[in-house]
Amino acid sequence: MEYAITLNVVFGSVISLLLTVVAYFMKQLHSDFKKMEKDLTEVKTMALLIKTEFKNSYDLLNQKVDYLEHRVNIIEQKNFKHSSNEK
């Protein structure tokens, strides 16, 4: 009988120790997931910022191209009128 009680105490201690180890690793895993979630949110914010910056640059570039096309058209029209007046 005494041997059974000792065996129960040993198994109980081993199970408690194993549960403590599992709880420790679960706590570490939880904190890692929290850090990963924070990093993921930061990456999403940076991606949105970069996307917005590229869109603004693209719009500005298109505006400049449109302006230059307009100027070239005006210059071509003046050149065409000038060359047709000379003939």
Protein backbone atom coordinates (compact mmCIF):
# COMPACT_ATOMS: atom_id res chain seq x y z
CA MET A 1 0.00 0.00 0.00
CA GLU A 2 2.82 2.34 0.90
CA TYR A 3 4.46 1.54 -2.45
CA ALA A 4 1.27 2.58 -4.32
CA ILE A 5 1.12 5.91 -2.50
CA THR A 6 4.78 6.59 -3.31
CA LEU A 7 4.15 5.67 -6.94
CA ASN A 8 1.15 8.04 -7.04
CA VAL A 9 3.26 10.86 -5.59
CA VAL A 10 6.03 10.26 -8.15
CA PHE A 11 3.58 10.14 -11.09
CA GLY A 12 1.78 13.21 -9.77
CA SER A 13 5.07 15.10 -9.49
CA VAL A 14 6.16 14.09 -13.00
CA ILE A 15 2.79 15.11 -14.47
CA SER A 16 2.93 18.43 -12.61
CA LEU A 17 6.44 19.05 -13.90
CA LEU A 18 5.41 18.22 -17.47
CA LEU A 19 2.36 20.47 -17.26
CA THR A 20 4.57 23.28 -15.95
CA VAL A 21 6.91 22.87 -18.94
CA VAL A 22 3.95 22.83 -21.36
CA ALA A 23 2.49 25.96 -19.71
CA TYR A 24 5.85 27.73 -20.02
CA PHE A 25 6.11 26.95 -23.74
CA MET A 26 2.50 27.95 -24.32
CA LYS A 27 3.21 31.29 -22.65
CA GLN A 28 6.25 31.78 -24.90
CA LEU A 29 4.21 30.83 -27.96
CA HIS A 30 1.49 33.30 -27.01
CA SER A 31 3.99 36.14 -26.59
CA ASP A 32 5.58 35.25 -29.96
CA PHE A 33 2.19 35.41 -31.65
CA LYS A 34 1.53 38.81 -30.08
CA LYS A 35 4.88 40.09 -31.39
CA MET A 36 4.15 38.63 -34.82
CA GLU A 37 0.73 40.30 -34.88
CA LYS A 38 2.33 43.64 -33.99
CA ASP A 39 4.98 43.19 -36.70
CA LEU A 40 2.34 42.21 -39.25
CA THR A 41 0.31 45.33 -38.45
CA GLU A 42 3.46 47.42 -38.86
CA VAL A 43 4.23 45.78 -42.22
CA LYS A 44 0.67 46.42 -43.44
CA THR A 45 0.94 50.07 -42.42
CA MET A 46 4.28 50.46 -44.19
CA ALA A 47 2.93 48.76 -47.32
CA LEU A 48 -0.06 51.10 -47.35
CA LEU A 49 2.24 54.09 -46.88
CA ILE A 50 4.50 52.97 -49.73
CA LYS A 51 1.50 52.29 -51.96
CA THR A 52 0.12 55.76 -51.29
CA GLU A 53 3.51 57.34 -51.92
CA PHE A 54 3.89 55.51 -55.26
CA LYS A 55 0.36 56.50 -56.28
CA ASN A 56 1.07 60.15 -55.53
CA SER A 57 4.34 59.98 -57.47
CA TYR A 58 2.57 58.28 -60.37
CA ASP A 59 -0.14 60.96 -60.41
CA LEU A 60 2.46 63.73 -60.33
CA LEU A 61 4.42 62.10 -63.15
CA ASN A 62 1.26 61.77 -65.25
CA GLN A 63 0.48 65.43 -64.60
CA LYS A 64 3.94 66.43 -65.80
CA VAL A 65 3.67 64.24 -68.90
CA ASP A 66 0.27 65.74 -69.75
CA TYR A 67 1.68 69.24 -69.33
CA LEU A 68 4.68 68.44 -71.55
CA GLU A 69 2.41 66.91 -74.20
CA HIS A 70 0.31 70.06 -74.15
CA ARG A 71 3.41 72.23 -74.56
CA VAL A 72 4.72 70.07 -77.42
CA ASN A 73 1.34 70.31 -79.17
CA ILE A 74 1.38 74.10 -78.87
CA ILE A 75 4.96 74.27 -80.17
CA GLU A 76 4.10 71.94 -83.07
CA GLN A 77 1.08 74.03 -83.96
CA LYS A 78 3.14 77.23 -83.93
CA ASN A 79 5.84 75.53 -85.98
CA PHE A 80 3.28 74.24 -88.47
CA LYS A 81 1.67 77.70 -88.80
CA HIS A 82 5.08 79.31 -89.17
CA SER A 83 6.20 76.81 -91.81
CA SER A 84 2.91 77.09 -93.74
CA ASN A 85 3.16 80.93 -93.68
CA GLU A 86 6.63 80.78 -95.19
CA LYS A 87 5.45 78.82 -98.22
